[in-house]
Amino acid sequence: MDIYKNIKSRIPEVIRYTYKSLELADEDTERYFYVKNMTDDIVIIKPDMRDMKWYKFNLAEECIKRGSTATLDKINTILEILS
């Protein structure tokens, strides 16, 4: 995103953190993370949020529910790593 790089120093911190969060959620970034870290003790929990918009704060409860469901889907893997 060249536009972001050009104005990076003028963007308030909250916008920068929001952008970074969205960037980390991107699938290419996820693949990069796996390749870079290549360990078996990393579990990425990725709820299905395709139909959600990040600015729809009124849907927070639904987002939390989806996050909980995605976590429960990975719970056995998490418990295995922790044991």
PDB file of N, CA and C in Angstrom:
ATOM      1  N   MET A   1       0.837  -1.167   0.000  1.00  0.00           N
ATOM      2  CA  MET A   1       0.000   0.000   0.000  1.00  0.00           C
ATOM      3  C   MET A   1       0.892   1.244   0.000  1.00  0.00           C
ATOM      4  N   ASP A   2       1.218   1.752  -1.153  1.00  0.00           N
ATOM      5  CA  ASP A   2       2.135   2.884  -1.292  1.00  0.00           C
ATOM      6  C   ASP A   2       1.604   4.169  -0.669  1.00  0.00           C
ATOM      7  N   ILE A   3       0.312   4.373  -0.730  1.00  0.00           N
ATOM      8  CA  ILE A   3      -0.277   5.583  -0.150  1.00  0.00           C
ATOM      9  C   ILE A   3       0.022   5.634   1.346  1.00  0.00           C
ATOM     10  N   TYR A   4      -0.146   4.512   2.001  1.00  0.00           N
ATOM     11  CA  TYR A   4       0.110   4.447   3.441  1.00  0.00           C
ATOM     12  C   TYR A   4       1.564   4.796   3.745  1.00  0.00           C
ATOM     13  N   LYS A   5       2.499   4.236   2.988  1.00  0.00           N
ATOM     14  CA  LYS A   5       3.914   4.493   3.225  1.00  0.00           C
ATOM     15  C   LYS A   5       4.253   5.969   3.053  1.00  0.00           C
ATOM     16  N   ASN A   6       3.600   6.646   2.130  1.00  0.00           N
ATOM     17  CA  ASN A   6       3.880   8.064   1.880  1.00  0.00           C
ATOM     18  C   ASN A   6       3.383   8.981   2.990  1.00  0.00           C
ATOM     19  N   ILE A   7       2.324   8.603   3.669  1.00  0.00           N
ATOM     20  CA  ILE A   7       1.757   9.492   4.693  1.00  0.00           C
ATOM     21  C   ILE A   7       1.903   8.930   6.106  1.00  0.00           C
ATOM     22  N   LYS A   8       2.687   7.884   6.253  1.00  0.00           N
ATOM     23  CA  LYS A   8       2.818   7.185   7.528  1.00  0.00           C
ATOM     24  C   LYS A   8       3.123   8.109   8.705  1.00  0.00           C
ATOM     25  N   SER A   9       4.010   9.049   8.520  1.00  0.00           N
ATOM     26  CA  SER A   9       4.403   9.919   9.631  1.00  0.00           C
ATOM     27  C   SER A   9       3.314  10.898  10.029  1.00  0.00           C
ATOM     28  N   ARG A  10       2.312  11.103   9.205  1.00  0.00           N
ATOM     29  CA  ARG A  10       1.252  12.061   9.511  1.00  0.00           C
ATOM     30  C   ARG A  10      -0.017  11.393  10.048  1.00  0.00           C
ATOM     31  N   ILE A  11      -0.036  10.087  10.121  1.00  0.00           N
ATOM     32  CA  ILE A  11      -1.233   9.368  10.555  1.00  0.00           C
ATOM     33  C   ILE A  11      -1.204   9.207  12.077  1.00  0.00           C
ATOM     34  N   PRO A  12      -2.315   9.512  12.747  1.00  0.00           N
ATOM     35  CA  PRO A  12      -2.377   9.311  14.204  1.00  0.00           C
ATOM     36  C   PRO A  12      -2.132   7.841  14.561  1.00  0.00           C
ATOM     37  N   GLU A  13      -1.630   7.625  15.749  1.00  0.00           N
ATOM     38  CA  GLU A  13      -1.284   6.274  16.207  1.00  0.00           C
ATOM     39  C   GLU A  13      -2.439   5.285  16.070  1.00  0.00           C
ATOM     40  N   VAL A  14      -3.641   5.675  16.434  1.00  0.00           N
ATOM     41  CA  VAL A  14      -4.764   4.738  16.404  1.00  0.00           C
ATOM     42  C   VAL A  14      -5.023   4.218  14.986  1.00  0.00           C
ATOM     43  N   ILE A  15      -4.862   5.073  14.003  1.00  0.00           N
ATOM     44  CA  ILE A  15      -5.051   4.646  12.617  1.00  0.00           C
ATOM     45  C   ILE A  15      -3.937   3.685  12.217  1.00  0.00           C
ATOM     46  N   ARG A  16      -2.727   3.988  12.633  1.00  0.00           N
ATOM     47  CA  ARG A  16      -1.602   3.092  12.325  1.00  0.00           C
ATOM     48  C   ARG A  16      -1.832   1.703  12.907  1.00  0.00           C
ATOM     49  N   TYR A  17      -2.288   1.641  14.160  1.00  0.00           N
ATOM     50  CA  TYR A  17      -2.530   0.350  14.795  1.00  0.00           C
ATOM     51  C   TYR A  17      -3.683  -0.389  14.131  1.00  0.00           C
ATOM     52  N   THR A  18      -4.703   0.336  13.745  1.00  0.00           N
ATOM     53  CA  THR A  18      -5.828  -0.282  13.038  1.00  0.00           C
ATOM     54  C   THR A  18      -5.357  -0.866  11.711  1.00  0.00           C
ATOM     55  N   TYR A  19      -4.575  -0.091  10.977  1.00  0.00           N
ATOM     56  CA  TYR A  19      -4.047  -0.570   9.701  1.00  0.00           C
ATOM     57  C   TYR A  19      -3.203  -1.820   9.909  1.00  0.00           C
ATOM     58  N   LYS A  20      -2.332  -1.814  10.914  1.00  0.00           N
ATOM     59  CA  LYS A  20      -1.457  -2.956  11.180  1.00  0.00           C
ATOM     60  C   LYS A  20      -2.289  -4.179  11.554  1.00  0.00           C
ATOM     61  N   SER A  21      -3.334  -4.003  12.338  1.00  0.00           N
ATOM     62  CA  SER A  21      -4.210  -5.116  12.708  1.00  0.00           C
ATOM     63  C   SER A  21      -4.869  -5.725  11.484  1.00  0.00           C
ATOM     64  N   LEU A  22      -5.356  -4.867  10.603  1.00  0.00           N
ATOM     65  CA  LEU A  22      -5.982  -5.362   9.375  1.00  0.00           C
ATOM     66  C   LEU A  22      -4.961  -6.051   8.483  1.00  0.00           C
ATOM     67  N   GLU A  23      -3.771  -5.526   8.442  1.00  0.00           N
ATOM     68  CA  GLU A  23      -2.715  -6.127   7.647  1.00  0.00           C
ATOM     69  C   GLU A  23      -2.368  -7.513   8.172  1.00  0.00           C
ATOM     70  N   LEU A  24      -2.284  -7.665   9.487  1.00  0.00           N
ATOM     71  CA  LEU A  24      -1.964  -8.959  10.076  1.00  0.00           C
ATOM     72  C   LEU A  24      -3.064  -9.989   9.846  1.00  0.00           C
ATOM     73  N   ALA A  25      -4.276  -9.515   9.678  1.00  0.00           N
ATOM     74  CA  ALA A  25      -5.396 -10.417   9.431  1.00  0.00           C
ATOM     75  C   ALA A  25      -5.403 -10.950   8.004  1.00  0.00           C
ATOM     76  N   ASP A  26      -4.662 -10.336   7.143  1.00  0.00           N
ATOM     77  CA  ASP A  26      -4.612 -10.736   5.747  1.00  0.00           C
ATOM     78  C   ASP A  26      -3.996 -12.133   5.613  1.00  0.00           C
ATOM     79  N   GLU A  27      -4.519 -12.943   4.711  1.00  0.00           N
ATOM     80  CA  GLU A  27      -4.042 -14.312   4.550  1.00  0.00           C
ATOM     81  C   GLU A  27      -2.593 -14.392   4.107  1.00  0.00           C
ATOM     82  N   ASP A  28      -2.143 -13.482   3.269  1.00  0.00           N
ATOM     83  CA  ASP A  28      -0.745 -13.504   2.839  1.00  0.00           C
ATOM     84  C   ASP A  28       0.173 -13.271   4.025  1.00  0.00           C
ATOM     85  N   THR A  29      -0.223 -12.390   4.912  1.00  0.00           N
ATOM     86  CA  THR A  29       0.565 -12.120   6.103  1.00  0.00           C
ATOM     87  C   THR A  29       0.590 -13.359   6.986  1.00  0.00           C
ATOM     88  N   GLU A  30      -0.547 -14.045   7.068  1.00  0.00           N
ATOM     89  CA  GLU A  30      -0.619 -15.271   7.866  1.00  0.00           C
ATOM     90  C   GLU A  30       0.358 -16.315   7.325  1.00  0.00           C
ATOM     91  N   ARG A  31       0.369 -16.500   6.008  1.00  0.00           N
ATOM     92  CA  ARG A  31       1.303 -17.461   5.411  1.00  0.00           C
ATOM     93  C   ARG A  31       2.747 -17.047   5.689  1.00  0.00           C
ATOM     94  N   TYR A  32       3.042 -15.765   5.562  1.00  0.00           N
ATOM     95  CA  TYR A  32       4.380 -15.250   5.845  1.00  0.00           C
ATOM     96  C   TYR A  32       4.762 -15.542   7.296  1.00  0.00           C
ATOM     97  N   PHE A  33       3.835 -15.336   8.203  1.00  0.00           N
ATOM     98  CA  PHE A  33       4.079 -15.581   9.623  1.00  0.00           C
ATOM     99  C   PHE A  33       4.458 -17.035   9.846  1.00  0.00           C
ATOM    100  N   TYR A  34       3.731 -17.962   9.233  1.00  0.00           N
ATOM    101  CA  TYR A  34       4.027 -19.384   9.387  1.00  0.00           C
ATOM    102  C   TYR A  34       5.422 -19.713   8.856  1.00  0.00           C
ATOM    103  N   VAL A  35       5.733 -19.233   7.676  1.00  0.00           N
ATOM    104  CA  VAL A  35       7.032 -19.523   7.064  1.00  0.00           C
ATOM    105  C   VAL A  35       8.161 -18.961   7.917  1.00  0.00           C
ATOM    106  N   LYS A  36       7.986 -17.739   8.396  1.00  0.00           N
ATOM    107  CA  LYS A  36       9.029 -17.068   9.178  1.00  0.00           C
ATOM    108  C   LYS A  36       9.249 -17.739  10.530  1.00  0.00           C
ATOM    109  N   ASN A  37       8.195 -18.226  11.165  1.00  0.00           N
ATOM    110  CA  ASN A  37       8.294 -18.737  12.527  1.00  0.00           C
ATOM    111  C   ASN A  37       8.351 -20.258  12.628  1.00  0.00           C
ATOM    112  N   MET A  38       7.870 -20.966  11.670  1.00  0.00           N
ATOM    113  CA  MET A  38       7.951 -22.418  11.537  1.00  0.00           C
ATOM    114  C   MET A  38       8.115 -23.193  12.851  1.00  0.00           C
ATOM    115  N   THR A  39       7.210 -23.050  13.763  1.00  0.00           N
ATOM    116  CA  THR A  39       7.233 -23.869  14.972  1.00  0.00           C
ATOM    117  C   THR A  39       5.874 -24.510  15.140  1.00  0.00           C
ATOM    118  N   ASP A  40       5.859 -25.600  15.873  1.00  0.00           N
ATOM    119  CA  ASP A  40       4.611 -26.333  16.074  1.00  0.00           C
ATOM    120  C   ASP A  40       3.784 -25.791  17.234  1.00  0.00           C
ATOM    121  N   ASP A  41       4.331 -24.842  17.967  1.00  0.00           N
ATOM    122  CA  ASP A  41       3.606 -24.337  19.136  1.00  0.00           C
ATOM    123  C   ASP A  41       2.863 -23.034  18.877  1.00  0.00           C
ATOM    124  N   ILE A  42       2.615 -22.730  17.613  1.00  0.00           N
ATOM    125  CA  ILE A  42       1.854 -21.535  17.253  1.00  0.00           C
ATOM    126  C   ILE A  42       0.487 -21.960  16.738  1.00  0.00           C
ATOM    127  N   VAL A  43      -0.541 -21.388  17.302  1.00  0.00           N
ATOM    128  CA  VAL A  43      -1.902 -21.655  16.852  1.00  0.00           C
ATOM    129  C   VAL A  43      -2.524 -20.320  16.471  1.00  0.00           C
ATOM    130  N   ILE A  44      -2.923 -20.206  15.221  1.00  0.00           N
ATOM    131  CA  ILE A  44      -3.599 -18.986  14.784  1.00  0.00           C
ATOM    132  C   ILE A  44      -5.092 -19.269  14.781  1.00  0.00           C
ATOM    133  N   ILE A  45      -5.807 -18.459  15.521  1.00  0.00           N
ATOM    134  CA  ILE A  45      -7.262 -18.582  15.609  1.00  0.00           C
ATOM    135  C   ILE A  45      -7.843 -17.525  14.691  1.00  0.00           C
ATOM    136  N   LYS A  46      -8.539 -17.981  13.672  1.00  0.00           N
ATOM    137  CA  LYS A  46      -9.041 -17.046  12.662  1.00  0.00           C
ATOM    138  C   LYS A  46     -10.543 -17.285  12.443  1.00  0.00           C
ATOM    139  N   PRO A  47     -11.372 -16.550  13.163  1.00  0.00           N
ATOM    140  CA  PRO A  47     -12.819 -16.702  12.972  1.00  0.00           C
ATOM    141  C   PRO A  47     -13.247 -16.224  11.585  1.00  0.00           C
ATOM    142  N   ASP A  48     -14.330 -16.770  11.115  1.00  0.00           N
ATOM    143  CA  ASP A  48     -14.865 -16.357   9.816  1.00  0.00           C
ATOM    144  C   ASP A  48     -15.509 -14.977   9.966  1.00  0.00           C
ATOM    145  N   MET A  49     -14.849 -13.979   9.435  1.00  0.00           N
ATOM    146  CA  MET A  49     -15.313 -12.601   9.555  1.00  0.00           C
ATOM    147  C   MET A  49     -15.546 -11.968   8.182  1.00  0.00           C
ATOM    148  N   ARG A  50     -15.648 -12.791   7.150  1.00  0.00           N
ATOM    149  CA  ARG A  50     -15.767 -12.255   5.786  1.00  0.00           C
ATOM    150  C   ARG A  50     -16.949 -11.315   5.606  1.00  0.00           C
ATOM    151  N   ASP A  51     -18.022 -11.572   6.284  1.00  0.00           N
ATOM    152  CA  ASP A  51     -19.209 -10.729   6.108  1.00  0.00           C
ATOM    153  C   ASP A  51     -19.295  -9.593   7.141  1.00  0.00           C
ATOM    154  N   MET A  52     -18.261  -9.444   7.959  1.00  0.00           N
ATOM    155  CA  MET A  52     -18.238  -8.390   8.977  1.00  0.00           C
ATOM    156  C   MET A  52     -17.419  -7.201   8.476  1.00  0.00           C
ATOM    157  N   LYS A  53     -17.769  -6.050   8.932  1.00  0.00           N
ATOM    158  CA  LYS A  53     -17.022  -4.826   8.634  1.00  0.00           C
ATOM    159  C   LYS A  53     -16.373  -4.357   9.932  1.00  0.00           C
ATOM    160  N   TRP A  54     -15.117  -3.956   9.884  1.00  0.00           N
ATOM    161  CA  TRP A  54     -14.392  -3.602  11.101  1.00  0.00           C
ATOM    162  C   TRP A  54     -14.990  -2.405  11.823  1.00  0.00           C
ATOM    163  N   TYR A  55     -15.726  -1.589  11.139  1.00  0.00           N
ATOM    164  CA  TYR A  55     -16.281  -0.374  11.739  1.00  0.00           C
ATOM    165  C   TYR A  55     -17.693  -0.580  12.304  1.00  0.00           C
ATOM    166  N   LYS A  56     -18.233  -1.761  12.229  1.00  0.00           N
ATOM    167  CA  LYS A  56     -19.577  -2.050  12.741  1.00  0.00           C
ATOM    168  C   LYS A  56     -19.495  -2.465  14.210  1.00  0.00           C
ATOM    169  N   PHE A  57     -19.273  -1.477  15.061  1.00  0.00           N
ATOM    170  CA  PHE A  57     -19.087  -1.747  16.481  1.00  0.00           C
ATOM    171  C   PHE A  57     -20.334  -2.346  17.138  1.00  0.00           C
ATOM    172  N   ASN A  58     -21.470  -2.141  16.551  1.00  0.00           N
ATOM    173  CA  ASN A  58     -22.700  -2.708  17.107  1.00  0.00           C
ATOM    174  C   ASN A  58     -22.746  -4.231  16.958  1.00  0.00           C
ATOM    175  N   LEU A  59     -21.831  -4.808  16.197  1.00  0.00           N
ATOM    176  CA  LEU A  59     -21.784  -6.254  16.004  1.00  0.00           C
ATOM    177  C   LEU A  59     -20.705  -6.911  16.868  1.00  0.00           C
ATOM    178  N   ALA A  60     -20.232  -6.207  17.883  1.00  0.00           N
ATOM    179  CA  ALA A  60     -19.148  -6.717  18.728  1.00  0.00           C
ATOM    180  C   ALA A  60     -19.515  -8.059  19.354  1.00  0.00           C
ATOM    181  N   GLU A  61     -20.730  -8.198  19.830  1.00  0.00           N
ATOM    182  CA  GLU A  61     -21.147  -9.451  20.469  1.00  0.00           C
ATOM    183  C   GLU A  61     -21.054 -10.624  19.484  1.00  0.00           C
ATOM    184  N   GLU A  62     -21.465 -10.403  18.251  1.00  0.00           N
ATOM    185  CA  GLU A  62     -21.377 -11.442  17.218  1.00  0.00           C
ATOM    186  C   GLU A  62     -19.917 -11.776  16.924  1.00  0.00           C
ATOM    187  N   CYS A  63     -19.067 -10.765  16.889  1.00  0.00           N
ATOM    188  CA  CYS A  63     -17.635 -10.991  16.647  1.00  0.00           C
ATOM    189  C   CYS A  63     -17.020 -11.825  17.771  1.00  0.00           C
ATOM    190  N   ILE A  64     -17.373 -11.510  18.997  1.00  0.00           N
ATOM    191  CA  ILE A  64     -16.878 -12.255  20.153  1.00  0.00           C
ATOM    192  C   ILE A  64     -17.350 -13.705  20.078  1.00  0.00           C
ATOM    193  N   LYS A  65     -18.598 -13.901  19.713  1.00  0.00           N
ATOM    194  CA  LYS A  65     -19.157 -15.250  19.580  1.00  0.00           C
ATOM    195  C   LYS A  65     -18.381 -16.047  18.527  1.00  0.00           C
ATOM    196  N   ARG A  66     -18.096 -15.426  17.408  1.00  0.00           N
ATOM    197  CA  ARG A  66     -17.343 -16.112  16.350  1.00  0.00           C
ATOM    198  C   ARG A  66     -15.922 -16.419  16.802  1.00  0.00           C
ATOM    199  N   GLY A  67     -15.328 -15.507  17.542  1.00  0.00           N
ATOM    200  CA  GLY A  67     -13.987 -15.747  18.072  1.00  0.00           C
ATOM    201  C   GLY A  67     -13.977 -16.916  19.046  1.00  0.00           C
ATOM    202  N   SER A  68     -14.999 -16.985  19.890  1.00  0.00           N
ATOM    203  CA  SER A  68     -15.119 -18.098  20.839  1.00  0.00           C
ATOM    204  C   SER A  68     -15.296 -19.422  20.109  1.00  0.00           C
ATOM    205  N   THR A  69     -16.127 -19.432  19.089  1.00  0.00           N
ATOM    206  CA  THR A  69     -16.351 -20.646  18.300  1.00  0.00           C
ATOM    207  C   THR A  69     -15.065 -21.099  17.626  1.00  0.00           C
ATOM    208  N   ALA A  70     -14.336 -20.162  17.033  1.00  0.00           N
ATOM    209  CA  ALA A  70     -13.071 -20.498  16.365  1.00  0.00           C
ATOM    210  C   ALA A  70     -12.046 -21.023  17.367  1.00  0.00           C
ATOM    211  N   THR A  71     -12.047 -20.457  18.574  1.00  0.00           N
ATOM    212  CA  THR A  71     -11.131 -20.919  19.614  1.00  0.00           C
ATOM    213  C   THR A  71     -11.475 -22.338  20.039  1.00  0.00           C
ATOM    214  N   LEU A  72     -12.758 -22.609  20.226  1.00  0.00           N
ATOM    215  CA  LEU A  72     -13.184 -23.957  20.617  1.00  0.00           C
ATOM    216  C   LEU A  72     -12.843 -24.985  19.541  1.00  0.00           C
ATOM    217  N   ASP A  73     -12.853 -24.567  18.286  1.00  0.00           N
ATOM    218  CA  ASP A  73     -12.463 -25.466  17.198  1.00  0.00           C
ATOM    219  C   ASP A  73     -10.998 -25.877  17.303  1.00  0.00           C
ATOM    220  N   LYS A  74     -10.181 -25.033  17.916  1.00  0.00           N
ATOM    221  CA  LYS A  74      -8.735 -25.294  18.052  1.00  0.00           C
ATOM    222  C   LYS A  74      -8.335 -25.710  19.466  1.00  0.00           C
ATOM    223  N   ILE A  75      -9.305 -25.886  20.344  1.00  0.00           N
ATOM    224  CA  ILE A  75      -8.995 -26.096  21.761  1.00  0.00           C
ATOM    225  C   ILE A  75      -8.146 -27.339  21.997  1.00  0.00           C
ATOM    226  N   ASN A  76      -8.397 -28.416  21.269  1.00  0.00           N
ATOM    227  CA  ASN A  76      -7.600 -29.626  21.470  1.00  0.00           C
ATOM    228  C   ASN A  76      -6.139 -29.393  21.098  1.00  0.00           C
ATOM    229  N   THR A  77      -5.902 -28.668  20.037  1.00  0.00           N
ATOM    230  CA  THR A  77      -4.537 -28.343  19.625  1.00  0.00           C
ATOM    231  C   THR A  77      -3.867 -27.477  20.683  1.00  0.00           C
ATOM    232  N   ILE A  78      -4.584 -26.493  21.194  1.00  0.00           N
ATOM    233  CA  ILE A  78      -4.036 -25.604  22.232  1.00  0.00           C
ATOM    234  C   ILE A  78      -3.688 -26.390  23.490  1.00  0.00           C
ATOM    235  N   LEU A  79      -4.603 -27.251  23.929  1.00  0.00           N
ATOM    236  CA  LEU A  79      -4.357 -28.049  25.141  1.00  0.00           C
ATOM    237  C   LEU A  79      -3.192 -29.007  24.948  1.00  0.00           C
ATOM    238  N   GLU A  80      -3.058 -29.548  23.753  1.00  0.00           N
ATOM    239  CA  GLU A  80      -1.942 -30.448  23.448  1.00  0.00           C
ATOM    240  C   GLU A  80      -0.605 -29.707  23.573  1.00  0.00           C
ATOM    241  N   ILE A  81      -0.546 -28.498  23.053  1.00  0.00           N
ATOM    242  CA  ILE A  81       0.677 -27.701  23.125  1.00  0.00           C
ATOM    243  C   ILE A  81       1.012 -27.348  24.571  1.00  0.00           C
ATOM    244  N   LEU A  82      -0.017 -27.023  25.351  1.00  0.00           N
ATOM    245  CA  LEU A  82       0.197 -26.606  26.731  1.00  0.00           C
ATOM    246  C   LEU A  82       0.580 -27.764  27.670  1.00  0.00           C
ATOM    247  N   SER A  83       0.280 -28.985  27.254  1.00  0.00           N
ATOM    248  CA  SER A  83       0.566 -30.119  28.162  1.00  0.00           C
ATOM    249  C   SER A  83       1.980 -30.636  28.014  1.00  0.00           C
TER     250      SER A  83
END
